[in-house]
Amino acid sequence: MACCVLQITGLIFGGVGMVGTLAATVMPQWRVSAYLDGNIVVFETIWEGLWMDCISQMGIRLQCKFYDSVLALPPPLEAFRALMCIAVVLSIISFLMAIVGVKYTHRTKEEPQGISIFILAAGVAFLLTGIFVVIPVSWTGGSIIHDFYDPQVPMPLKRELGAALYVGWVSTALLIAAGAMYCSF
């Protein structure tokens, strides 16, 4: 019985982690403009993401623009895009493997060896997905914090951690927890 509860919990964690990975990938709030001056009146907010930049003017009008050229992007951003796309695909595959493993674990109790391969593969895939998500999210967070405290970076170019980074960190924790649950079988 505890085995079934652990499998279902891992499935829920993996599903929420999969949705969070997809959300963090498409969200434009990876870097958000920081307001450091004493001026309280703020007319625009700048968001920078993996795929586009957005400017919100007084919370009324939102303009987003996709990056013009893939070749003009900085190499870390290209790598982060690739890692997050791989993580999205791998999270979907691992979630489907977990569904198959959980479904057939409850149906067939006489041959646990074949079923445990699906569960173990899903666990390893969830762990790998968590690693693929944490690398770009943490690297971006580290560079934002480094630039924020760097006195040579001008005030208008300083950014804060965006909501997509927090979604990515929570997704990483859920994916690693799901992977650990499935690998423990």
N, C-alpha and C. Protein backbone atom coordinates (compact mmCIF):
# COMPACT_ATOMS: atom_id res chain seq x y z
N MET A 1 0.82 -1.19 0.00
CA MET A 1 0.00 0.00 0.00
C MET A 1 0.86 1.26 0.00
N ALA A 2 1.91 1.28 0.82
CA ALA A 2 2.80 2.44 0.86
C ALA A 2 3.49 2.62 -0.49
N CYS A 3 3.74 1.52 -1.18
CA CYS A 3 4.35 1.56 -2.50
C CYS A 3 3.45 2.30 -3.49
N CYS A 4 2.17 2.02 -3.44
CA CYS A 4 1.21 2.66 -4.34
C CYS A 4 1.10 4.16 -4.05
N VAL A 5 1.06 4.52 -2.79
CA VAL A 5 0.98 5.93 -2.41
C VAL A 5 2.22 6.67 -2.87
N LEU A 6 3.38 6.04 -2.71
CA LEU A 6 4.63 6.67 -3.15
C LEU A 6 4.67 6.83 -4.66
N GLN A 7 4.15 5.85 -5.40
CA GLN A 7 4.12 5.95 -6.85
C GLN A 7 3.18 7.06 -7.32
N ILE A 8 2.02 7.15 -6.71
CA ILE A 8 1.06 8.19 -7.08
C ILE A 8 1.61 9.57 -6.72
N THR A 9 2.24 9.68 -5.55
CA THR A 9 2.84 10.95 -5.16
C THR A 9 3.95 11.35 -6.13
N GLY A 10 4.77 10.39 -6.52
CA GLY A 10 5.80 10.67 -7.52
C GLY A 10 5.22 11.09 -8.85
N LEU A 11 4.11 10.49 -9.22
CA LEU A 11 3.43 10.86 -10.46
C LEU A 11 2.89 12.29 -10.40
N ILE A 12 2.33 12.65 -9.26
CA ILE A 12 1.82 14.02 -9.09
C ILE A 12 2.98 15.01 -9.10
N PHE A 13 4.04 14.72 -8.35
CA PHE A 13 5.20 15.61 -8.34
C PHE A 13 5.80 15.75 -9.74
N GLY A 14 5.91 14.63 -10.45
CA GLY A 14 6.46 14.67 -11.80
C GLY A 14 5.58 15.45 -12.76
N GLY A 15 4.26 15.31 -12.62
CA GLY A 15 3.34 16.06 -13.49
C GLY A 15 3.40 17.55 -13.23
N VAL A 16 3.43 17.94 -11.97
CA VAL A 16 3.53 19.36 -11.64
C VAL A 16 4.90 19.90 -12.06
N GLY A 17 5.94 19.10 -11.88
CA GLY A 17 7.27 19.51 -12.34
C GLY A 17 7.34 19.67 -13.85
N MET A 18 6.65 18.79 -14.57
CA MET A 18 6.61 18.87 -16.03
C MET A 18 5.91 20.17 -16.47
N VAL A 19 4.77 20.48 -15.86
CA VAL A 19 4.05 21.70 -16.20
C VAL A 19 4.89 22.93 -15.83
N GLY A 20 5.55 22.88 -14.68
CA GLY A 20 6.41 23.99 -14.28
C GLY A 20 7.59 24.18 -15.21
N THR A 21 8.15 23.09 -15.71
CA THR A 21 9.26 23.19 -16.66
C THR A 21 8.80 23.87 -17.95
N LEU A 22 7.64 23.47 -18.42
CA LEU A 22 7.09 24.09 -19.62
C LEU A 22 6.80 25.57 -19.38
N ALA A 23 6.23 25.89 -18.23
CA ALA A 23 5.92 27.28 -17.90
C ALA A 23 7.18 28.13 -17.80
N ALA A 24 8.20 27.61 -17.12
CA ALA A 24 9.44 28.37 -16.98
C ALA A 24 10.11 28.59 -18.33
N THR A 25 9.95 27.65 -19.24
CA THR A 25 10.57 27.77 -20.55
C THR A 25 9.92 28.88 -21.37
N VAL A 26 8.62 29.00 -21.31
CA VAL A 26 7.94 29.98 -22.17
C VAL A 26 7.74 31.34 -21.50
N MET A 27 7.88 31.43 -20.18
CA MET A 27 7.67 32.70 -19.50
C MET A 27 8.74 33.72 -19.87
N PRO A 28 8.34 34.99 -20.09
CA PRO A 28 9.35 36.01 -20.40
C PRO A 28 9.98 36.65 -19.16
N GLN A 29 9.59 36.24 -17.96
CA GLN A 29 10.09 36.90 -16.75
C GLN A 29 11.31 36.20 -16.17
N TRP A 30 12.36 36.02 -16.94
CA TRP A 30 13.59 35.47 -16.39
C TRP A 30 14.39 36.59 -15.72
N ARG A 31 14.51 37.71 -16.38
CA ARG A 31 15.17 38.90 -15.82
C ARG A 31 14.14 40.02 -15.82
N VAL A 32 14.01 40.68 -14.68
CA VAL A 32 13.02 41.75 -14.54
C VAL A 32 13.76 43.02 -14.14
N SER A 33 13.31 44.16 -14.70
CA SER A 33 13.99 45.42 -14.41
C SER A 33 13.94 45.73 -12.92
N ALA A 34 15.05 46.27 -12.44
CA ALA A 34 15.19 46.61 -11.02
C ALA A 34 15.10 48.12 -10.87
N TYR A 35 14.42 48.56 -9.84
CA TYR A 35 14.29 50.00 -9.58
C TYR A 35 15.05 50.32 -8.31
N LEU A 36 16.17 51.00 -8.50
CA LEU A 36 17.06 51.24 -7.37
C LEU A 36 17.08 52.69 -6.92
N ASP A 37 16.64 53.58 -7.80
CA ASP A 37 16.68 54.98 -7.43
C ASP A 37 15.56 55.30 -6.45
N GLY A 38 15.60 56.49 -5.91
CA GLY A 38 14.58 56.91 -4.96
C GLY A 38 13.26 57.24 -5.62
N ASN A 39 13.21 57.21 -6.95
CA ASN A 39 12.01 57.55 -7.68
C ASN A 39 10.97 56.44 -7.56
N ILE A 40 9.80 56.74 -7.02
CA ILE A 40 8.76 55.73 -6.85
C ILE A 40 7.93 55.59 -8.13
N VAL A 41 7.84 56.66 -8.91
CA VAL A 41 7.02 56.64 -10.12
C VAL A 41 7.74 55.81 -11.18
N VAL A 42 7.12 54.70 -11.56
CA VAL A 42 7.70 53.80 -12.53
C VAL A 42 6.72 53.68 -13.69
N PHE A 43 7.20 54.01 -14.89
CA PHE A 43 6.31 53.98 -16.04
C PHE A 43 6.42 52.70 -16.86
N GLU A 44 7.53 52.01 -16.77
CA GLU A 44 7.65 50.79 -17.55
C GLU A 44 8.46 49.73 -16.81
N THR A 45 8.09 48.50 -17.09
CA THR A 45 8.78 47.35 -16.53
C THR A 45 9.30 46.52 -17.70
N ILE A 46 10.54 46.09 -17.60
CA ILE A 46 11.17 45.32 -18.67
C ILE A 46 11.33 43.88 -18.21
N TRP A 47 10.91 42.95 -19.04
CA TRP A 47 11.08 41.52 -18.80
C TRP A 47 11.95 40.96 -19.91
N GLU A 48 12.89 40.12 -19.53
CA GLU A 48 13.73 39.44 -20.51
C GLU A 48 13.60 37.94 -20.29
N GLY A 49 13.32 37.20 -21.35
CA GLY A 49 13.15 35.77 -21.25
C GLY A 49 14.05 35.04 -22.23
N LEU A 50 13.80 33.75 -22.38
CA LEU A 50 14.59 32.96 -23.31
C LEU A 50 14.21 33.23 -24.75
N TRP A 51 12.97 33.61 -24.99
CA TRP A 51 12.46 33.72 -26.35
C TRP A 51 12.13 35.15 -26.75
N MET A 52 11.87 36.04 -25.77
CA MET A 52 11.43 37.38 -26.11
C MET A 52 11.73 38.36 -24.99
N ASP A 53 11.65 39.64 -25.34
CA ASP A 53 11.68 40.74 -24.39
C ASP A 53 10.31 41.38 -24.37
N CYS A 54 9.87 41.82 -23.19
CA CYS A 54 8.57 42.48 -23.07
C CYS A 54 8.74 43.76 -22.28
N ILE A 55 7.93 44.76 -22.63
CA ILE A 55 7.89 46.02 -21.90
C ILE A 55 6.44 46.29 -21.53
N SER A 56 6.22 46.46 -20.24
CA SER A 56 4.88 46.79 -19.74
C SER A 56 4.90 48.27 -19.36
N GLN A 57 4.03 49.05 -19.98
CA GLN A 57 4.00 50.48 -19.73
C GLN A 57 2.83 50.82 -18.81
N MET A 58 3.14 51.19 -17.60
CA MET A 58 2.20 51.58 -16.56
C MET A 58 1.17 50.49 -16.28
N GLY A 59 1.50 49.24 -16.52
CA GLY A 59 0.59 48.14 -16.26
C GLY A 59 -0.61 48.10 -17.18
N ILE A 60 -0.63 48.94 -18.19
CA ILE A 60 -1.78 49.02 -19.10
C ILE A 60 -1.47 48.33 -20.42
N ARG A 61 -0.32 48.62 -20.97
CA ARG A 61 0.02 48.12 -22.30
C ARG A 61 1.26 47.24 -22.21
N LEU A 62 1.16 46.09 -22.83
CA LEU A 62 2.28 45.14 -22.84
C LEU A 62 2.71 44.90 -24.27
N GLN A 63 3.99 45.14 -24.53
CA GLN A 63 4.55 44.90 -25.85
C GLN A 63 5.65 43.86 -25.72
N CYS A 64 5.54 42.78 -26.50
CA CYS A 64 6.56 41.75 -26.50
C CYS A 64 7.14 41.60 -27.90
N LYS A 65 8.41 41.33 -27.95
CA LYS A 65 9.09 41.17 -29.23
C LYS A 65 10.01 39.95 -29.14
N PHE A 66 9.81 39.01 -30.06
CA PHE A 66 10.71 37.86 -30.13
C PHE A 66 12.08 38.32 -30.59
N TYR A 67 13.10 37.60 -30.17
CA TYR A 67 14.45 37.94 -30.59
C TYR A 67 14.55 37.77 -32.10
N ASP A 68 15.21 38.73 -32.77
CA ASP A 68 15.24 38.77 -34.22
C ASP A 68 16.00 37.61 -34.83
N SER A 69 17.20 37.37 -34.34
CA SER A 69 18.05 36.37 -34.97
C SER A 69 18.59 35.41 -33.92
N VAL A 70 18.57 34.14 -34.25
CA VAL A 70 19.13 33.14 -33.34
C VAL A 70 20.64 33.29 -33.29
N LEU A 71 21.24 33.69 -34.40
CA LEU A 71 22.69 33.82 -34.46
C LEU A 71 23.20 35.04 -33.69
N ALA A 72 22.34 36.01 -33.43
CA ALA A 72 22.76 37.21 -32.70
C ALA A 72 22.66 37.05 -31.19
N LEU A 73 22.12 35.94 -30.72
CA LEU A 73 21.97 35.72 -29.28
C LEU A 73 23.32 35.37 -28.66
N PRO A 74 23.49 35.72 -27.39
CA PRO A 74 24.72 35.31 -26.70
C PRO A 74 24.74 33.78 -26.54
N PRO A 75 25.92 33.18 -26.58
CA PRO A 75 26.01 31.71 -26.47
C PRO A 75 25.35 31.11 -25.23
N PRO A 76 25.44 31.73 -24.04
CA PRO A 76 24.74 31.13 -22.90
C PRO A 76 23.22 31.05 -23.11
N LEU A 77 22.64 32.06 -23.73
CA LEU A 77 21.20 32.05 -23.96
C LEU A 77 20.81 30.95 -24.94
N GLU A 78 21.63 30.72 -25.95
CA GLU A 78 21.37 29.62 -26.88
C GLU A 78 21.43 28.28 -26.16
N ALA A 79 22.43 28.12 -25.30
CA ALA A 79 22.56 26.87 -24.53
C ALA A 79 21.39 26.70 -23.57
N PHE A 80 20.95 27.78 -22.92
CA PHE A 80 19.83 27.69 -21.99
C PHE A 80 18.55 27.32 -22.71
N ARG A 81 18.36 27.87 -23.91
CA ARG A 81 17.19 27.50 -24.71
C ARG A 81 17.21 26.01 -25.02
N ALA A 82 18.37 25.53 -25.45
CA ALA A 82 18.48 24.11 -25.81
C ALA A 82 18.24 23.22 -24.59
N LEU A 83 18.84 23.56 -23.45
CA LEU A 83 18.65 22.75 -22.25
C LEU A 83 17.19 22.74 -21.79
N MET A 84 16.53 23.87 -21.85
CA MET A 84 15.14 23.92 -21.42
C MET A 84 14.22 23.17 -22.39
N CYS A 85 14.51 23.24 -23.68
CA CYS A 85 13.70 22.47 -24.65
C CYS A 85 13.90 20.97 -24.45
N ILE A 86 15.13 20.56 -24.22
CA ILE A 86 15.41 19.15 -23.93
C ILE A 86 14.70 18.74 -22.64
N ALA A 87 14.72 19.62 -21.65
CA ALA A 87 14.07 19.31 -20.37
C ALA A 87 12.56 19.16 -20.55
N VAL A 88 11.94 19.98 -21.38
CA VAL A 88 10.50 19.87 -21.60
C VAL A 88 10.17 18.53 -22.25
N VAL A 89 10.92 18.18 -23.29
CA VAL A 89 10.66 16.91 -23.99
C VAL A 89 10.92 15.73 -23.06
N LEU A 90 12.02 15.79 -22.32
CA LEU A 90 12.37 14.69 -21.41
C LEU A 90 11.37 14.58 -20.26
N SER A 91 10.83 15.70 -19.79
CA SER A 91 9.84 15.62 -18.71
C SER A 91 8.54 14.99 -19.21
N ILE A 92 8.16 15.27 -20.44
CA ILE A 92 6.96 14.64 -21.00
C ILE A 92 7.17 13.14 -21.15
N ILE A 93 8.34 12.75 -21.67
CA ILE A 93 8.65 11.33 -21.85
C ILE A 93 8.69 10.61 -20.50
N SER A 94 9.34 11.23 -19.52
CA SER A 94 9.44 10.58 -18.21
C SER A 94 8.08 10.50 -17.52
N PHE A 95 7.23 11.50 -17.72
CA PHE A 95 5.88 11.44 -17.15
C PHE A 95 5.07 10.31 -17.78
N LEU A 96 5.19 10.16 -19.09
CA LEU A 96 4.48 9.07 -19.77
C LEU A 96 5.00 7.70 -19.33
N MET A 97 6.34 7.60 -19.14
CA MET A 97 6.89 6.33 -18.64
C MET A 97 6.40 6.04 -17.23
N ALA A 98 6.28 7.08 -16.41
CA ALA A 98 5.79 6.89 -15.05
C ALA A 98 4.33 6.45 -15.05
N ILE A 99 3.54 7.01 -15.96
CA ILE A 99 2.13 6.59 -16.06
C ILE A 99 2.05 5.12 -16.44
N VAL A 100 2.85 4.72 -17.43
CA VAL A 100 2.84 3.32 -17.85
C VAL A 100 3.30 2.41 -16.70
N GLY A 101 4.35 2.80 -16.01
CA GLY A 101 4.85 2.00 -14.90
C GLY A 101 3.85 1.86 -13.77
N VAL A 102 3.21 2.98 -13.40
CA VAL A 102 2.23 2.94 -12.31
C VAL A 102 0.99 2.14 -12.74
N LYS A 103 0.57 2.34 -13.98
CA LYS A 103 -0.63 1.64 -14.47
C LYS A 103 -0.43 0.13 -14.47
N TYR A 104 0.70 -0.33 -14.97
CA TYR A 104 0.92 -1.76 -15.06
C TYR A 104 1.41 -2.37 -13.74
N THR A 105 1.89 -1.57 -12.82
CA THR A 105 2.24 -2.09 -11.51
C THR A 105 0.99 -2.55 -10.79
N HIS A 106 -0.07 -1.79 -10.92
CA HIS A 106 -1.32 -2.15 -10.25
C HIS A 106 -2.03 -3.31 -10.94
N ARG A 107 -1.80 -3.48 -12.24
CA ARG A 107 -2.47 -4.56 -12.97
C ARG A 107 -1.79 -5.91 -12.79
N THR A 108 -0.47 -5.92 -12.94
CA THR A 108 0.26 -7.19 -12.90
C THR A 108 1.16 -7.23 -11.69
N LYS A 109 0.84 -8.07 -10.76
CA LYS A 109 1.68 -8.24 -9.57
C LYS A 109 2.62 -9.44 -9.73
N GLU A 110 2.37 -10.29 -10.75
CA GLU A 110 3.17 -11.51 -10.87
C GLU A 110 4.53 -11.30 -11.52
N GLU A 111 4.68 -10.22 -12.35
CA GLU A 111 5.98 -10.00 -13.00
C GLU A 111 6.47 -8.59 -12.67
N PRO A 112 7.06 -8.39 -11.51
CA PRO A 112 7.48 -7.05 -11.12
C PRO A 112 8.75 -6.57 -11.82
N GLN A 113 9.53 -7.48 -12.41
CA GLN A 113 10.80 -7.10 -13.03
C GLN A 113 10.58 -6.19 -14.23
N GLY A 114 9.65 -6.54 -15.12
CA GLY A 114 9.39 -5.73 -16.31
C GLY A 114 8.83 -4.37 -15.96
N ILE A 115 8.02 -4.32 -14.95
CA ILE A 115 7.40 -3.06 -14.55
C ILE A 115 8.42 -2.16 -13.86
N SER A 116 9.30 -2.73 -13.08
CA SER A 116 10.27 -1.90 -12.37
C SER A 116 11.24 -1.24 -13.32
N ILE A 117 11.38 -1.77 -14.52
CA ILE A 117 12.23 -1.11 -15.52
C ILE A 117 11.60 0.21 -15.94
N PHE A 118 10.28 0.21 -16.15
CA PHE A 118 9.60 1.46 -16.49
C PHE A 118 9.69 2.47 -15.35
N ILE A 119 9.50 2.00 -14.13
CA ILE A 119 9.57 2.90 -12.97
C ILE A 119 10.98 3.46 -12.80
N LEU A 120 11.98 2.60 -12.93
CA LEU A 120 13.36 3.06 -12.80
C LEU A 120 13.73 4.02 -13.93
N ALA A 121 13.31 3.72 -15.16
CA ALA A 121 13.60 4.62 -16.28
C ALA A 121 12.94 5.98 -16.08
N ALA A 122 11.71 5.97 -15.58
CA ALA A 122 11.03 7.23 -15.30
C ALA A 122 11.75 8.01 -14.20
N GLY A 123 12.23 7.31 -13.17
CA GLY A 123 12.96 7.98 -12.10
C GLY A 123 14.25 8.61 -12.58
N VAL A 124 15.00 7.88 -13.38
CA VAL A 124 16.26 8.43 -13.92
C VAL A 124 15.97 9.61 -14.84
N ALA A 125 14.90 9.49 -15.66
CA ALA A 125 14.55 10.58 -16.57
C ALA A 125 14.10 11.82 -15.79
N PHE A 126 13.35 11.63 -14.70
CA PHE A 126 12.96 12.77 -13.88
C PHE A 126 14.18 13.44 -13.25
N LEU A 127 15.12 12.64 -12.76
CA LEU A 127 16.34 13.22 -12.18
C LEU A 127 17.13 13.99 -13.23
N LEU A 128 17.26 13.43 -14.42
CA LEU A 128 17.99 14.09 -15.50
C LEU A 128 17.29 15.39 -15.92
N THR A 129 15.97 15.34 -15.96
CA THR A 129 15.21 16.56 -16.29
C THR A 129 15.44 17.64 -15.25
N GLY A 130 15.45 17.25 -13.98
CA GLY A 130 15.72 18.23 -12.92
C GLY A 130 17.09 18.87 -13.07
N ILE A 131 18.07 18.08 -13.47
CA ILE A 131 19.42 18.62 -13.69
C ILE A 131 19.41 19.58 -14.88
N PHE A 132 18.70 19.20 -15.95
CA PHE A 132 18.63 20.06 -17.13
C PHE A 132 17.92 21.38 -16.85
N VAL A 133 17.00 21.40 -15.91
CA VAL A 133 16.30 22.63 -15.56
C VAL A 133 17.13 23.49 -14.61
N VAL A 134 17.78 22.87 -13.64
CA VAL A 134 18.49 23.66 -12.63
C VAL A 134 19.71 24.38 -13.20
N ILE A 135 20.33 23.85 -14.23
CA ILE A 135 21.53 24.49 -14.78
C ILE A 135 21.22 25.88 -15.35
N PRO A 136 20.31 26.02 -16.33
CA PRO A 136 20.08 27.38 -16.85
C PRO A 136 19.43 28.32 -15.84
N VAL A 137 18.55 27.78 -14.99
CA VAL A 137 17.87 28.64 -14.02
C VAL A 137 18.86 29.18 -12.99
N SER A 138 19.70 28.32 -12.45
CA SER A 138 20.67 28.78 -11.44
C SER A 138 21.77 29.64 -12.06
N TRP A 139 22.18 29.30 -13.26
CA TRP A 139 23.21 30.10 -13.92
C TRP A 139 22.69 31.52 -14.18
N THR A 140 21.45 31.62 -14.65
CA THR A 140 20.86 32.94 -14.89
C THR A 140 20.70 33.69 -13.57
N GLY A 141 20.23 33.02 -12.54
CA GLY A 141 20.11 33.66 -11.23
C GLY A 141 21.44 34.16 -10.71
N GLY A 142 22.48 33.35 -10.87
CA GLY A 142 23.81 33.77 -10.43
C GLY A 142 24.33 34.97 -11.19
N SER A 143 24.09 35.01 -12.50
CA SER A 143 24.57 36.16 -13.28
C SER A 143 23.78 37.42 -12.95
N ILE A 144 22.50 37.27 -12.66
CA ILE A 144 21.69 38.44 -12.27
C ILE A 144 22.20 39.00 -10.95
N ILE A 145 22.46 38.14 -9.99
CA ILE A 145 22.95 38.60 -8.69
C ILE A 145 24.34 39.22 -8.83
N HIS A 146 25.19 38.62 -9.65
CA HIS A 146 26.54 39.16 -9.87
C HIS A 146 26.46 40.55 -10.49
N ASP A 147 25.63 40.73 -11.52
CA ASP A 147 25.50 42.02 -12.19
C ASP A 147 24.84 43.06 -11.29
N PHE A 148 23.93 42.61 -10.42
CA PHE A 148 23.23 43.54 -9.55
C PHE A 148 24.21 44.21 -8.58
N TYR A 149 25.16 43.46 -8.07
CA TYR A 149 26.11 44.02 -7.10
C TYR A 149 27.40 44.53 -7.74
N ASP A 150 27.50 44.43 -9.05
CA ASP A 150 28.69 44.93 -9.76
C ASP A 150 28.55 46.44 -9.94
N PRO A 151 29.47 47.24 -9.38
CA PRO A 151 29.35 48.70 -9.49
C PRO A 151 29.59 49.20 -10.91
N GLN A 152 30.19 48.41 -11.78
CA GLN A 152 30.47 48.85 -13.14
C GLN A 152 29.25 48.72 -14.07
N VAL A 153 28.22 47.98 -13.64
CA VAL A 153 27.01 47.85 -14.44
C VAL A 153 26.14 49.07 -14.16
N PRO A 154 25.74 49.80 -15.22
CA PRO A 154 24.90 50.99 -15.01
C PRO A 154 23.55 50.64 -14.39
N MET A 155 22.98 51.56 -13.65
CA MET A 155 21.70 51.34 -12.95
C MET A 155 20.58 50.88 -13.89
N PRO A 156 20.40 51.48 -15.07
CA PRO A 156 19.28 51.04 -15.92
C PRO A 156 19.43 49.60 -16.44
N LEU A 157 20.63 49.04 -16.40
CA LEU A 157 20.85 47.69 -16.90
C LEU A 157 20.79 46.62 -15.81
N LYS A 158 20.60 47.03 -14.58
CA LYS A 158 20.52 46.05 -13.49
C LYS A 158 19.15 45.37 -13.53
N ARG A 159 19.16 44.07 -13.28
CA ARG A 159 17.94 43.28 -13.31
C ARG A 159 17.78 42.52 -12.00
N GLU A 160 16.55 42.09 -11.75
CA GLU A 160 16.24 41.26 -10.58
C GLU A 160 15.78 39.89 -11.05
N LEU A 161 15.70 38.97 -10.09
CA LEU A 161 15.25 37.62 -10.41
C LEU A 161 13.78 37.65 -10.79
N GLY A 162 13.45 37.02 -11.90
CA GLY A 162 12.08 37.00 -12.37
C GLY A 162 11.32 35.78 -11.87
N ALA A 163 10.03 35.77 -12.11
CA ALA A 163 9.15 34.70 -11.63
C ALA A 163 9.49 33.36 -12.29
N ALA A 164 9.97 33.38 -13.52
CA ALA A 164 10.31 32.14 -14.22
C ALA A 164 11.42 31.38 -13.51
N LEU A 165 12.34 32.09 -12.88
CA LEU A 165 13.43 31.42 -12.16
C LEU A 165 12.88 30.69 -10.94
N TYR A 166 11.96 31.32 -10.24
CA TYR A 166 11.37 30.65 -9.07
C TYR A 166 10.54 29.44 -9.49
N VAL A 167 9.81 29.57 -10.59
CA VAL A 167 9.06 28.42 -11.11
C VAL A 167 10.03 27.30 -11.49
N GLY A 168 11.15 27.67 -12.09
CA GLY A 168 12.16 26.68 -12.46
C GLY A 168 12.76 25.97 -11.26
N TRP A 169 13.02 26.70 -10.19
CA TRP A 169 13.60 26.08 -8.99
C TRP A 169 12.60 25.13 -8.32
N VAL A 170 11.34 25.54 -8.25
CA VAL A 170 10.32 24.68 -7.66
C VAL A 170 10.13 23.44 -8.53
N SER A 171 10.13 23.62 -9.84
CA SER A 171 10.00 22.48 -10.75
C SER A 171 11.16 21.51 -10.60
N THR A 172 12.36 22.06 -10.43
CA THR A 172 13.53 21.21 -10.22
C THR A 172 13.38 20.38 -8.96
N ALA A 173 12.93 21.01 -7.89
CA ALA A 173 12.75 20.27 -6.62
C ALA A 173 11.71 19.16 -6.78
N LEU A 174 10.62 19.45 -7.47
CA LEU A 174 9.58 18.44 -7.66
C LEU A 174 10.06 17.31 -8.56
N LEU A 175 10.78 17.64 -9.62
CA LEU A 175 11.28 16.61 -10.53
C LEU A 175 12.30 15.71 -9.84
N ILE A 176 13.17 16.30 -9.06
CA ILE A 176 14.17 15.49 -8.35
C ILE A 176 13.50 14.63 -7.27
N ALA A 177 12.49 15.19 -6.61
CA ALA A 177 11.76 14.38 -5.62
C ALA A 177 11.04 13.23 -6.29
N ALA A 178 10.42 13.47 -7.44
CA ALA A 178 9.74 12.38 -8.17
C ALA A 178 10.75 11.34 -8.64
N GLY A 179 11.88 11.80 -9.14
CA GLY A 179 12.92 10.86 -9.58
C GLY A 179 13.46 10.02 -8.44
N ALA A 180 13.64 10.65 -7.30
CA ALA A 180 14.13 9.91 -6.13
C ALA A 180 13.11 8.89 -5.66
N MET A 181 11.83 9.24 -5.71
CA MET A 181 10.78 8.29 -5.31
C MET A 181 10.76 7.08 -6.24
N TYR A 182 10.86 7.33 -7.53
CA TYR A 182 10.82 6.20 -8.48
C TYR A 182 12.10 5.39 -8.48
N CYS A 183 13.23 6.02 -8.23
CA CYS A 183 14.49 5.27 -8.19
C CYS A 183 14.61 4.43 -6.91
N SER A 184 13.81 4.75 -5.90
CA SER A 184 13.89 4.00 -4.65
C SER A 184 13.20 2.65 -4.73
N PHE A 185 12.45 2.39 -5.80
CA PHE A 185 11.78 1.08 -5.93
C PHE A 185 12.76 0.01 -6.32
